[in-house]
PDB file of N, CA and C in Angstrom:
ATOM      1  N   PHE A   1       0.899  -1.180   0.025  1.00  0.00           N
ATOM      2  CA  PHE A   1       0.068   0.045  -0.003  1.00  0.00           C
ATOM      3  C   PHE A   1       1.274   1.538   0.210  1.00  0.00           C
ATOM      4  N   GLY A   2       1.719   1.221   1.126  1.00  0.00           N
ATOM      5  CA  GLY A   2       2.801   2.519   1.155  1.00  0.00           C
ATOM      6  C   GLY A   2       3.411   3.006  -0.231  1.00  0.00           C
ATOM      7  N   THR A   3       4.194   2.129  -0.923  1.00  0.00           N
ATOM      8  CA  THR A   3       4.857   2.069  -2.002  1.00  0.00           C
ATOM      9  C   THR A   3       4.002   2.740  -3.195  1.00  0.00           C
ATOM     10  N   ALA A   4       2.378   1.705  -3.048  1.00  0.00           N
ATOM     11  CA  ALA A   4       2.153   2.562  -4.539  1.00  0.00           C
ATOM     12  C   ALA A   4       1.291   3.944  -4.012  1.00  0.00           C
ATOM     13  N   ALA A   5       1.086   3.928  -2.807  1.00  0.00           N
ATOM     14  CA  ALA A   5       0.411   5.271  -2.435  1.00  0.00           C
ATOM     15  C   ALA A   5       1.382   6.461  -2.744  1.00  0.00           C
ATOM     16  N   ALA A   6       2.717   6.106  -2.458  1.00  0.00           N
ATOM     17  CA  ALA A   6       4.212   6.978  -2.694  1.00  0.00           C
ATOM     18  C   ALA A   6       4.046   7.649  -4.169  1.00  0.00           C
ATOM     19  N   LEU A   7       3.757   6.211  -5.199  1.00  0.00           N
ATOM     20  CA  LEU A   7       4.126   6.289  -6.369  1.00  0.00           C
ATOM     21  C   LEU A   7       2.843   6.939  -7.121  1.00  0.00           C
ATOM     22  N   ARG A   8       1.476   7.059  -6.711  1.00  0.00           N
ATOM     23  CA  ARG A   8       0.853   7.844  -7.166  1.00  0.00           C
ATOM     24  C   ARG A   8       1.127   9.262  -6.835  1.00  0.00           C
ATOM     25  N   ARG A   9       1.691   9.436  -5.751  1.00  0.00           N
ATOM     26  CA  ARG A   9       1.343  10.889  -5.149  1.00  0.00           C
ATOM     27  C   ARG A   9       2.537  11.587  -5.761  1.00  0.00           C
ATOM     28  N   ASP A  10       3.383  10.619  -6.372  1.00  0.00           N
ATOM     29  CA  ASP A  10       4.639  11.478  -7.124  1.00  0.00           C
ATOM     30  C   ASP A  10       4.739  11.281  -8.423  1.00  0.00           C
ATOM     31  N   GLY A  11       3.190  11.192  -8.858  1.00  0.00           N
ATOM     32  CA  GLY A  11       2.702  11.238 -10.400  1.00  0.00           C
ATOM     33  C   GLY A  11       3.116   9.999 -11.400  1.00  0.00           C
ATOM     34  N   HIS A  12       3.862   8.819 -11.219  1.00  0.00           N
ATOM     35  CA  HIS A  12       3.917   7.750 -12.004  1.00  0.00           C
ATOM     36  C   HIS A  12       2.966   6.832 -11.645  1.00  0.00           C
ATOM     37  N   LEU A  13       1.978   6.804 -11.109  1.00  0.00           N
ATOM     38  CA  LEU A  13       0.864   5.981 -11.078  1.00  0.00           C
ATOM     39  C   LEU A  13      -0.720   6.842 -11.477  1.00  0.00           C
ATOM     40  N   LEU A  14      -0.293   7.603 -12.215  1.00  0.00           N
ATOM     41  CA  LEU A  14      -1.481   8.457 -12.412  1.00  0.00           C
ATOM     42  C   LEU A  14      -3.093   8.021 -13.236  1.00  0.00           C
ATOM     43  N   SER A  15      -2.767   7.153 -13.493  1.00  0.00           N
ATOM     44  CA  SER A  15      -3.894   6.386 -14.418  1.00  0.00           C
ATOM     45  C   SER A  15      -4.669   5.597 -13.301  1.00  0.00           C
ATOM     46  N   VAL A  16      -3.916   5.546 -12.238  1.00  0.00           N
ATOM     47  CA  VAL A  16      -4.683   4.474 -11.227  1.00  0.00           C
ATOM     48  C   VAL A  16      -5.325   5.220 -10.003  1.00  0.00           C
ATOM     49  N   PRO A  17      -6.806   5.497  -9.746  1.00  0.00           N
ATOM     50  CA  PRO A  17      -7.435   5.828  -9.208  1.00  0.00           C
ATOM     51  C   PRO A  17      -7.281   5.387  -7.550  1.00  0.00           C
ATOM     52  N   TRP A  18      -7.829   6.321  -6.485  1.00  0.00           N
ATOM     53  CA  TRP A  18      -7.142   6.403  -5.158  1.00  0.00           C
ATOM     54  C   TRP A  18      -7.778   5.000  -4.527  1.00  0.00           C
ATOM     55  N   PRO A  19      -8.914   4.930  -4.754  1.00  0.00           N
ATOM     56  CA  PRO A  19      -9.726   3.822  -4.576  1.00  0.00           C
ATOM     57  C   PRO A  19      -8.812   2.434  -4.629  1.00  0.00           C
ATOM     58  N   VAL A  20      -8.275   1.972  -6.108  1.00  0.00           N
ATOM     59  CA  VAL A  20      -7.634   0.892  -6.309  1.00  0.00           C
ATOM     60  C   VAL A  20      -6.630   1.226  -5.238  1.00  0.00           C
ATOM     61  N   ILE A  21      -5.601   2.311  -5.132  1.00  0.00           N
ATOM     62  CA  ILE A  21      -4.472   2.268  -4.316  1.00  0.00           C
ATOM     63  C   ILE A  21      -5.042   1.752  -2.802  1.00  0.00           C
ATOM     64  N   PHE A  22      -6.220   2.019  -2.327  1.00  0.00           N
ATOM     65  CA  PHE A  22      -6.364   1.693  -0.644  1.00  0.00           C
ATOM     66  C   PHE A  22      -7.002   0.517  -0.697  1.00  0.00           C
ATOM     67  N   LEU A  23      -7.320  -0.357  -1.882  1.00  0.00           N
ATOM     68  CA  LEU A  23      -8.012  -1.281  -1.741  1.00  0.00           C
ATOM     69  C   LEU A  23      -7.428  -2.451  -0.756  1.00  0.00           C
ATOM     70  N   PRO A  24      -6.088  -2.308  -0.810  1.00  0.00           N
ATOM     71  CA  PRO A  24      -5.211  -3.617   0.386  1.00  0.00           C
ATOM     72  C   PRO A  24      -5.936  -3.273   1.770  1.00  0.00           C
ATOM     73  N   LEU A  25      -5.747  -1.885   1.919  1.00  0.00           N
ATOM     74  CA  LEU A  25      -5.658  -1.462   3.316  1.00  0.00           C
ATOM     75  C   LEU A  25      -7.589  -1.670   3.274  1.00  0.00           C
ATOM     76  N   PHE A  26      -8.066  -1.809   2.549  1.00  0.00           N
ATOM     77  CA  PHE A  26      -9.586  -1.818   3.222  1.00  0.00           C
ATOM     78  C   PHE A  26      -9.618  -3.380   3.333  1.00  0.00           C
ATOM     79  N   LEU A  27      -9.128  -4.514   2.812  1.00  0.00           N
ATOM     80  CA  LEU A  27      -9.351  -5.446   2.700  1.00  0.00           C
ATOM     81  C   LEU A  27      -8.326  -5.990   4.371  1.00  0.00           C
ATOM     82  N   ALA A  28      -7.322  -5.633   4.217  1.00  0.00           N
ATOM     83  CA  ALA A  28      -6.510  -5.526   5.584  1.00  0.00           C
ATOM     84  C   ALA A  28      -7.242  -5.482   7.002  1.00  0.00           C
ATOM     85  N   SER A  29      -7.946  -4.188   6.859  1.00  0.00           N
ATOM     86  CA  SER A  29      -8.442  -3.746   8.291  1.00  0.00           C
ATOM     87  C   SER A  29      -9.298  -4.701   8.560  1.00  0.00           C
ATOM     88  N   PRO A  30     -10.496  -5.435   8.208  1.00  0.00           N
ATOM     89  CA  PRO A  30     -11.333  -6.294   9.030  1.00  0.00           C
ATOM     90  C   PRO A  30     -10.352  -7.039   9.280  1.00  0.00           C
ATOM     91  N   LEU A  31      -9.696  -7.774   8.914  1.00  0.00           N
ATOM     92  CA  LEU A  31      -8.455  -9.177   9.192  1.00  0.00           C
ATOM     93  C   LEU A  31      -8.120  -8.513  10.462  1.00  0.00           C
ATOM     94  N   ILE A  32      -7.261  -6.963  10.803  1.00  0.00           N
ATOM     95  CA  ILE A  32      -6.410  -6.982  11.442  1.00  0.00           C
ATOM     96  C   ILE A  32      -7.465  -6.954  12.561  1.00  0.00           C
ATOM     97  N   MET A  33      -8.652  -6.263  12.677  1.00  0.00           N
ATOM     98  CA  MET A  33      -9.249  -6.460  14.043  1.00  0.00           C
ATOM     99  C   MET A  33      -9.361  -7.433  14.257  1.00  0.00           C
ATOM    100  N   ILE A  34      -9.850  -8.248  13.121  1.00  0.00           N
ATOM    101  CA  ILE A  34     -10.343  -9.714  13.928  1.00  0.00           C
ATOM    102  C   ILE A  34      -9.182 -10.469  14.737  1.00  0.00           C
ATOM    103  N   LEU A  35      -7.623 -10.548  14.100  1.00  0.00           N
ATOM    104  CA  LEU A  35      -6.683 -10.749  15.055  1.00  0.00           C
ATOM    105  C   LEU A  35      -6.646 -10.182  16.230  1.00  0.00           C
ATOM    106  N   VAL A  36      -6.847  -8.615  16.111  1.00  0.00           N
ATOM    107  CA  VAL A  36      -6.529  -8.237  17.595  1.00  0.00           C
ATOM    108  C   VAL A  36      -7.600  -8.369  18.427  1.00  0.00           C
ATOM    109  N   LEU A  37      -8.733  -9.038  18.014  1.00  0.00           N
ATOM    110  CA  LEU A  37      -9.912  -9.497  18.809  1.00  0.00           C
ATOM    111  C   LEU A  37      -9.488 -11.002  19.741  1.00  0.00           C
ATOM    112  N   LEU A  38      -8.966 -11.694  18.706  1.00  0.00           N
ATOM    113  CA  LEU A  38      -8.539 -13.236  19.171  1.00  0.00           C
ATOM    114  C   LEU A  38      -7.395 -13.253  19.810  1.00  0.00           C
ATOM    115  N   CYS A  39      -6.179 -12.378  19.843  1.00  0.00           N
ATOM    116  CA  CYS A  39      -5.213 -12.165  20.136  1.00  0.00           C
ATOM    117  C   CYS A  39      -4.742 -11.221  21.433  1.00  0.00           C
ATOM    118  N   ASN A  40      -6.295 -10.640  22.199  1.00  0.00           N
ATOM    119  CA  ASN A  40      -6.494  -9.583  23.119  1.00  0.00           C
ATOM    120  C   ASN A  40      -6.026 -10.823  24.593  1.00  0.00           C
ATOM    121  N   PRO A  41      -5.289  -9.795  25.201  1.00  0.00           N
ATOM    122  CA  PRO A  41      -4.989 -10.885  26.958  1.00  0.00           C
ATOM    123  C   PRO A  41      -6.356 -10.912  27.463  1.00  0.00           C
ATOM    124  N   ARG A  42      -7.270 -10.312  27.359  1.00  0.00           N
ATOM    125  CA  ARG A  42      -8.268 -10.359  28.063  1.00  0.00           C
ATOM    126  C   ARG A  42      -9.275 -11.786  27.518  1.00  0.00           C
ATOM    127  N   SER A  43      -9.176 -11.888  26.250  1.00  0.00           N
ATOM    128  CA  SER A  43     -10.174 -12.822  26.009  1.00  0.00           C
ATOM    129  C   SER A  43      -9.682 -14.084  26.278  1.00  0.00           C
ATOM    130  N   THR A  44      -8.456 -14.558  27.211  1.00  0.00           N
ATOM    131  CA  THR A  44      -7.789 -15.524  27.619  1.00  0.00           C
ATOM    132  C   THR A  44      -8.461 -16.082  29.426  1.00  0.00           C
ATOM    133  N   ASN A  45      -9.292 -15.024  29.847  1.00  0.00           N
ATOM    134  CA  ASN A  45      -9.944 -15.108  30.915  1.00  0.00           C
ATOM    135  C   ASN A  45     -11.094 -16.245  30.884  1.00  0.00           C
ATOM    136  N   LEU A  46     -10.967 -17.362  32.047  1.00  0.00           N
ATOM    137  CA  LEU A  46     -11.821 -18.199  31.609  1.00  0.00           C
ATOM    138  C   LEU A  46     -12.872 -18.069  32.829  1.00  0.00           C
ATOM    139  N   SER A  47     -12.912 -16.921  33.377  1.00  0.00           N
ATOM    140  CA  SER A  47     -13.936 -16.761  34.545  1.00  0.00           C
ATOM    141  C   SER A  47     -15.142 -16.715  33.781  1.00  0.00           C
ATOM    142  N   THR A  48     -14.804 -15.791  32.672  1.00  0.00           N
ATOM    143  CA  THR A  48     -16.624 -15.519  32.269  1.00  0.00           C
ATOM    144  C   THR A  48     -16.566 -16.403  30.930  1.00  0.00           C
ATOM    145  N   SER A  49     -18.176 -16.768  30.378  1.00  0.00           N
ATOM    146  CA  SER A  49     -18.149 -17.635  29.052  1.00  0.00           C
ATOM    147  C   SER A  49     -17.490 -17.119  27.593  1.00  0.00           C
ATOM    148  N   TRP A  50     -16.993 -17.587  27.003  1.00  0.00           N
ATOM    149  CA  TRP A  50     -16.246 -17.175  25.967  1.00  0.00           C
ATOM    150  C   TRP A  50     -17.388 -16.324  24.791  1.00  0.00           C
ATOM    151  N   ARG A  51     -18.106 -16.547  25.035  1.00  0.00           N
ATOM    152  CA  ARG A  51     -19.173 -15.562  24.212  1.00  0.00           C
ATOM    153  C   ARG A  51     -19.429 -14.651  24.911  1.00  0.00           C
ATOM    154  N   GLY A  52     -19.708 -14.396  25.752  1.00  0.00           N
ATOM    155  CA  GLY A  52     -20.042 -13.256  26.419  1.00  0.00           C
ATOM    156  C   GLY A  52     -18.969 -12.509  26.662  1.00  0.00           C
ATOM    157  N   HIS A  53     -17.980 -12.779  26.831  1.00  0.00           N
ATOM    158  CA  HIS A  53     -16.467 -12.029  26.754  1.00  0.00           C
ATOM    159  C   HIS A  53     -16.077 -11.662  25.498  1.00  0.00           C
ATOM    160  N   PHE A  54     -16.376 -12.390  24.531  1.00  0.00           N
ATOM    161  CA  PHE A  54     -15.947 -11.641  23.051  1.00  0.00           C
ATOM    162  C   PHE A  54     -16.791 -10.707  22.586  1.00  0.00           C
ATOM    163  N   GLY A  55     -18.289 -11.052  22.985  1.00  0.00           N
ATOM    164  CA  GLY A  55     -19.188 -10.067  22.898  1.00  0.00           C
ATOM    165  C   GLY A  55     -18.597  -8.712  23.381  1.00  0.00           C
ATOM    166  N   ALA A  56     -18.240  -8.775  24.855  1.00  0.00           N
ATOM    167  CA  ALA A  56     -17.763  -7.514  25.519  1.00  0.00           C
ATOM    168  C   ALA A  56     -16.368  -6.814  24.395  1.00  0.00           C
ATOM    169  N   LEU A  57     -15.594  -7.773  23.798  1.00  0.00           N
ATOM    170  CA  LEU A  57     -14.104  -7.370  23.860  1.00  0.00           C
ATOM    171  C   LEU A  57     -14.572  -6.532  22.433  1.00  0.00           C
ATOM    172  N   LEU A  58     -16.076  -7.057  21.662  1.00  0.00           N
ATOM    173  CA  LEU A  58     -16.196  -6.803  19.957  1.00  0.00           C
ATOM    174  C   LEU A  58     -17.025  -5.297  20.293  1.00  0.00           C
ATOM    175  N   TRP A  59     -17.386  -4.743  21.372  1.00  0.00           N
ATOM    176  CA  TRP A  59     -17.809  -3.759  21.558  1.00  0.00           C
ATOM    177  C   TRP A  59     -16.899  -2.932  22.301  1.00  0.00           C
ATOM    178  N   ASP A  60     -15.925  -3.318  22.518  1.00  0.00           N
ATOM    179  CA  ASP A  60     -14.474  -2.290  23.041  1.00  0.00           C
ATOM    180  C   ASP A  60     -14.189  -1.634  21.533  1.00  0.00           C
ATOM    181  N   PHE A  61     -14.205  -2.972  20.539  1.00  0.00           N
ATOM    182  CA  PHE A  61     -13.065  -2.475  19.426  1.00  0.00           C
ATOM    183  C   PHE A  61     -14.233  -1.897  18.195  1.00  0.00           C
ATOM    184  N   ILE A  62     -15.203  -2.058  18.459  1.00  0.00           N
ATOM    185  CA  ILE A  62     -16.530  -1.694  17.149  1.00  0.00           C
ATOM    186  C   ILE A  62     -16.209  -0.426  17.021  1.00  0.00           C
ATOM    187  N   PRO A  63     -16.533   1.119  17.735  1.00  0.00           N
ATOM    188  CA  PRO A  63     -16.283   2.259  17.471  1.00  0.00           C
ATOM    189  C   PRO A  63     -14.848   2.635  16.760  1.00  0.00           C
ATOM    190  N   ASN A  64     -14.084   2.068  17.626  1.00  0.00           N
ATOM    191  CA  ASN A  64     -12.445   2.752  17.115  1.00  0.00           C
ATOM    192  C   ASN A  64     -12.295   2.125  15.512  1.00  0.00           C
ATOM    193  N   GLY A  65     -12.687   1.077  15.422  1.00  0.00           N
ATOM    194  CA  GLY A  65     -12.819  -0.059  13.916  1.00  0.00           C
ATOM    195  C   GLY A  65     -13.403   1.108  12.884  1.00  0.00           C
ATOM    196  N   VAL A  66     -14.639   1.505  13.558  1.00  0.00           N
ATOM    197  CA  VAL A  66     -15.622   2.157  12.525  1.00  0.00           C
ATOM    198  C   VAL A  66     -15.096   3.139  12.097  1.00  0.00           C
ATOM    199  N   MET A  67     -14.610   4.380  12.956  1.00  0.00           N
ATOM    200  CA  MET A  67     -13.872   5.507  12.787  1.00  0.00           C
ATOM    201  C   MET A  67     -13.031   5.274  11.770  1.00  0.00           C
ATOM    202  N   LEU A  68     -11.805   4.225  12.304  1.00  0.00           N
ATOM    203  CA  LEU A  68     -10.757   3.954  11.161  1.00  0.00           C
ATOM    204  C   LEU A  68     -11.329   4.074   9.837  1.00  0.00           C
ATOM    205  N   LEU A  69     -12.229   3.073   9.538  1.00  0.00           N
ATOM    206  CA  LEU A  69     -12.480   2.684   8.516  1.00  0.00           C
ATOM    207  C   LEU A  69     -13.282   4.089   7.657  1.00  0.00           C
ATOM    208  N   ILE A  70     -14.283   4.977   8.257  1.00  0.00           N
ATOM    209  CA  ILE A  70     -14.586   6.155   7.610  1.00  0.00           C
ATOM    210  C   ILE A  70     -13.334   7.176   7.685  1.00  0.00           C
ATOM    211  N   PHE A  71     -12.835   7.103   8.390  1.00  0.00           N
ATOM    212  CA  PHE A  71     -11.190   8.226   8.541  1.00  0.00           C
ATOM    213  C   PHE A  71     -11.074   7.396   6.595  1.00  0.00           C
ATOM    214  N   THR A  72     -10.449   6.235   6.728  1.00  0.00           N
ATOM    215  CA  THR A  72      -9.850   5.618   5.234  1.00  0.00           C
ATOM    216  C   THR A  72     -10.538   5.696   4.407  1.00  0.00           C
ATOM    217  N   LEU A  73     -11.959   5.923   4.226  1.00  0.00           N
ATOM    218  CA  LEU A  73     -12.761   6.584   3.112  1.00  0.00           C
ATOM    219  C   LEU A  73     -12.759   7.612   2.893  1.00  0.00           C
ATOM    220  N   LEU A  74     -13.071   8.417   4.065  1.00  0.00           N
ATOM    221  CA  LEU A  74     -12.813  10.204   3.803  1.00  0.00           C
ATOM    222  C   LEU A  74     -11.406  10.491   3.050  1.00  0.00           C
ATOM    223  N   LEU A  75     -10.488   9.928   3.450  1.00  0.00           N
ATOM    224  CA  LEU A  75      -9.208  10.017   3.195  1.00  0.00           C
ATOM    225  C   LEU A  75      -9.429   9.687   1.675  1.00  0.00           C
ATOM    226  N   CYS A  76      -9.821   8.593   1.074  1.00  0.00           N
ATOM    227  CA  CYS A  76      -9.686   8.276  -0.373  1.00  0.00           C
ATOM    228  C   CYS A  76     -10.249   9.110  -0.823  1.00  0.00           C
ATOM    229  N   VAL A  77     -11.954   9.486  -0.464  1.00  0.00           N
ATOM    230  CA  VAL A  77     -12.577  10.624  -1.173  1.00  0.00           C
ATOM    231  C   VAL A  77     -11.569  12.125  -1.573  1.00  0.00           C
ATOM    232  N   ARG A  78     -10.991  12.246  -0.648  1.00  0.00           N
ATOM    233  CA  ARG A  78     -10.172  13.873  -0.443  1.00  0.00           C
ATOM    234  C   ARG A  78      -8.949  13.695  -1.314  1.00  0.00           C
ATOM    235  N   LEU A  79      -8.613  12.658  -1.480  1.00  0.00           N
ATOM    236  CA  LEU A  79      -7.347  12.613  -2.701  1.00  0.00           C
ATOM    237  C   LEU A  79      -7.663  12.396  -3.842  1.00  0.00           C
ATOM    238  N   GLN A  80      -9.070  11.637  -4.134  1.00  0.00           N
ATOM    239  CA  GLN A  80      -9.239  11.512  -5.479  1.00  0.00           C
ATOM    240  C   GLN A  80      -9.869  13.012  -5.723  1.00  0.00           C
ATOM    241  N   TRP A  81     -10.760  13.331  -5.281  1.00  0.00           N
ATOM    242  CA  TRP A  81     -10.871  14.596  -5.760  1.00  0.00           C
ATOM    243  C   TRP A  81     -10.919  15.820  -4.713  1.00  0.00           C
ATOM    244  N   THR A  82     -10.131  16.538  -4.825  1.00  0.00           N
ATOM    245  CA  THR A  82      -9.701  17.353  -3.503  1.00  0.00           C
ATOM    246  C   THR A  82     -10.436  18.349  -3.299  1.00  0.00           C
ATOM    247  N   GLU A  83     -11.479  18.598  -4.434  1.00  0.00           N
ATOM    248  CA  GLU A  83     -12.242  19.977  -3.513  1.00  0.00           C
ATOM    249  C   GLU A  83     -13.390  19.314  -2.746  1.00  0.00           C
ATOM    250  N   ALA A  84     -13.639  18.033  -2.900  1.00  0.00           N
ATOM    251  CA  ALA A  84     -14.874  17.245  -2.241  1.00  0.00           C
ATOM    252  C   ALA A  84     -15.196  17.670  -0.776  1.00  0.00           C
ATOM    253  N   LEU A  85     -14.251  17.158  -0.092  1.00  0.00           N
ATOM    254  CA  LEU A  85     -14.214  17.480   1.443  1.00  0.00           C
ATOM    255  C   LEU A  85     -12.935  18.505   1.905  1.00  0.00           C
ATOM    256  N   SER A  86     -12.940  18.988   2.928  1.00  0.00           N
ATOM    257  CA  SER A  86     -12.028  19.767   3.592  1.00  0.00           C
ATOM    258  C   SER A  86     -11.443  18.341   4.256  1.00  0.00           C
ATOM    259  N   TRP A  87      -9.671  18.848   4.784  1.00  0.00           N
ATOM    260  CA  TRP A  87      -9.217  18.162   5.830  1.00  0.00           C
ATOM    261  C   TRP A  87      -9.260  17.470   7.011  1.00  0.00           C
ATOM    262  N   LEU A  88     -10.402  19.275   7.681  1.00  0.00           N
ATOM    263  CA  LEU A  88     -10.648  18.735   9.204  1.00  0.00           C
ATOM    264  C   LEU A  88     -11.760  17.681   8.780  1.00  0.00           C
ATOM    265  N   SER A  89     -12.692  17.511   7.906  1.00  0.00           N
ATOM    266  CA  SER A  89     -13.423  16.958   7.710  1.00  0.00           C
ATOM    267  C   SER A  89     -13.364  15.224   7.503  1.00  0.00           C
ATOM    268  N   VAL A  90     -12.218  15.221   6.887  1.00  0.00           N
ATOM    269  CA  VAL A  90     -11.266  13.698   6.625  1.00  0.00           C
ATOM    270  C   VAL A  90     -10.651  13.592   8.257  1.00  0.00           C
ATOM    271  N   ILE A  91     -10.428  14.182   8.950  1.00  0.00           N
ATOM    272  CA  ILE A  91      -9.271  13.675  10.124  1.00  0.00           C
ATOM    273  C   ILE A  91     -10.570  13.739  11.542  1.00  0.00           C
ATOM    274  N   THR A  92     -12.155  14.098  11.220  1.00  0.00           N
ATOM    275  CA  THR A  92     -12.868  13.953  12.379  1.00  0.00           C
ATOM    276  C   THR A  92     -13.109  12.919  12.893  1.00  0.00           C
ATOM    277  N   PRO A  93     -13.358  11.545  11.842  1.00  0.00           N
ATOM    278  CA  PRO A  93     -13.315  10.292  12.850  1.00  0.00           C
ATOM    279  C   PRO A  93     -12.589  10.038  13.393  1.00  0.00           C
ATOM    280  N   LEU A  94     -11.208  10.274  13.333  1.00  0.00           N
ATOM    281  CA  LEU A  94     -10.174  10.012  13.808  1.00  0.00           C
ATOM    282  C   LEU A  94     -10.448  10.641  15.357  1.00  0.00           C
ATOM    283  N   LEU A  95     -10.670  11.906  15.394  1.00  0.00           N
ATOM    284  CA  LEU A  95     -10.976  12.830  16.723  1.00  0.00           C
ATOM    285  C   LEU A  95     -11.907  12.119  17.481  1.00  0.00           C
ATOM    286  N   VAL A  96     -13.199  11.709  16.673  1.00  0.00           N
ATOM    287  CA  VAL A  96     -14.277  11.284  17.632  1.00  0.00           C
ATOM    288  C   VAL A  96     -13.533   9.608  18.056  1.00  0.00           C
ATOM    289  N   GLY A  97     -12.830   8.952  17.482  1.00  0.00           N
ATOM    290  CA  GLY A  97     -12.762   7.507  17.951  1.00  0.00           C
ATOM    291  C   GLY A  97     -11.416   7.769  18.876  1.00  0.00           C
ATOM    292  N   HIS A  98     -10.788   8.683  19.068  1.00  0.00           N
ATOM    293  CA  HIS A  98     -10.146   9.441  20.434  1.00  0.00           C
ATOM    294  C   HIS A  98     -10.911   9.533  21.315  1.00  0.00           C
ATOM    295  N   GLY A  99     -11.981  10.511  20.964  1.00  0.00           N
ATOM    296  CA  GLY A  99     -12.715  10.958  22.255  1.00  0.00           C
ATOM    297  C   GLY A  99     -13.621   9.708  22.900  1.00  0.00           C
ATOM    298  N   VAL A 100     -13.956   8.919  22.020  1.00  0.00           N
ATOM    299  CA  VAL A 100     -14.687   7.314  22.284  1.00  0.00           C
ATOM    300  C   VAL A 100     -14.180   6.982  23.497  1.00  0.00           C
ATOM    301  N   TRP A 101     -12.857   6.435  22.776  1.00  0.00           N
ATOM    302  CA  TRP A 101     -11.859   5.705  23.582  1.00  0.00           C
ATOM    303  C   TRP A 101     -11.314   6.343  25.047  1.00  0.00           C
ATOM    304  N   ILE A 102     -11.239   7.390  25.387  1.00  0.00           N
ATOM    305  CA  ILE A 102     -11.150   8.605  26.595  1.00  0.00           C
ATOM    306  C   ILE A 102     -12.622   8.334  27.131  1.00  0.00           C
ATOM    307  N   ALA A 103     -13.497   8.217  26.386  1.00  0.00           N
ATOM    308  CA  ALA A 103     -14.713   8.057  27.271  1.00  0.00           C
ATOM    309  C   ALA A 103     -14.573   6.533  27.911  1.00  0.00           C
ATOM    310  N   GLN A 104     -14.461   5.784  27.426  1.00  0.00           N
ATOM    311  CA  GLN A 104     -14.396   4.790  27.822  1.00  0.00           C
ATOM    312  C   GLN A 104     -13.610   4.304  29.208  1.00  0.00           C
ATOM    313  N   LEU A 105     -12.508   4.901  29.085  1.00  0.00           N
ATOM    314  CA  LEU A 105     -11.409   5.090  30.439  1.00  0.00           C
ATOM    315  C   LEU A 105     -11.649   4.874  31.672  1.00  0.00           C
ATOM    316  N   PRO A 106     -12.809   5.603  31.789  1.00  0.00           N
ATOM    317  CA  PRO A 106     -13.169   5.492  33.609  1.00  0.00           C
ATOM    318  C   PRO A 106     -13.562   4.269  34.102  1.00  0.00           C
ATOM    319  N   TRP A 107     -14.540   3.811  33.153  1.00  0.00           N
ATOM    320  CA  TRP A 107     -15.163   2.355  33.126  1.00  0.00           C
ATOM    321  C   TRP A 107     -14.027   1.047  33.450  1.00  0.00           C
ATOM    322  N   GLU A 108     -13.240   1.363  32.424  1.00  0.00           N
ATOM    323  CA  GLU A 108     -12.399   0.210  31.938  1.00  0.00           C
ATOM    324  C   GLU A 108     -11.546   0.272  33.533  1.00  0.00           C
ATOM    325  N   LEU A 109     -10.872   1.395  33.984  1.00  0.00           N
ATOM    326  CA  LEU A 109     -10.214   1.585  35.006  1.00  0.00           C
ATOM    327  C   LEU A 109     -11.345   1.133  36.522  1.00  0.00           C
ATOM    328  N   ALA A 110     -12.365   1.375  36.578  1.00  0.00           N
ATOM    329  CA  ALA A 110     -13.278   1.009  37.552  1.00  0.00           C
ATOM    330  C   ALA A 110     -13.477  -0.635  37.571  1.00  0.00           C
ATOM    331  N   ALA A 111     -13.356  -1.269  36.029  1.00  0.00           N
ATOM    332  CA  ALA A 111     -13.380  -2.456  35.869  1.00  0.00           C
ATOM    333  C   ALA A 111     -12.176  -3.374  36.448  1.00  0.00           C
ATOM    334  N   ARG A 112     -11.016  -3.035  36.050  1.00  0.00           N
ATOM    335  CA  ARG A 112      -9.854  -3.536  36.519  1.00  0.00           C
ATOM    336  C   ARG A 112      -9.590  -3.091  37.913  1.00  0.00           C
ATOM    337  N   ARG A 113      -9.923  -2.410  38.564  1.00  0.00           N
ATOM    338  CA  ARG A 113      -9.647  -1.830  40.162  1.00  0.00           C
ATOM    339  C   ARG A 113     -10.419  -2.861  40.689  1.00  0.00           C
ATOM    340  N   ARG A 114     -12.071  -3.240  39.978  1.00  0.00           N
ATOM    341  CA  ARG A 114     -12.798  -4.506  41.155  1.00  0.00           C
ATOM    342  C   ARG A 114     -12.622  -5.895  40.641  1.00  0.00           C
ATOM    343  N   ALA A 115     -11.368  -5.869  39.213  1.00  0.00           N
ATOM    344  CA  ALA A 115     -11.222  -7.373  39.152  1.00  0.00           C
ATOM    345  C   ALA A 115      -9.674  -7.641  40.184  1.00  0.00           C
TER     346      ALA A 115
END
């Protein structure tokens, strides 16, 4: 992805549209999310049922994953059609994702303190 994006930006791959350049990233992101969910150290906790614990992990990661996907789509649109969006509207999903993560911290810390 990085090499193709650099070549596109430098003008060597001008005939290739940005959505095609971003295709490997679109395909890899869900796979990375699944690996993160399966390899999370909290998923080895056997005191709760696997299904309920996996559901809780999934709800922890869904907001950030969705915001990252939206950011990638908006970045692709911004690079393909430069006047379509402002850069602020492109980075807004990342800021919202970080805000959601920060808002979850008090509950995470309280849950760790109880355990």
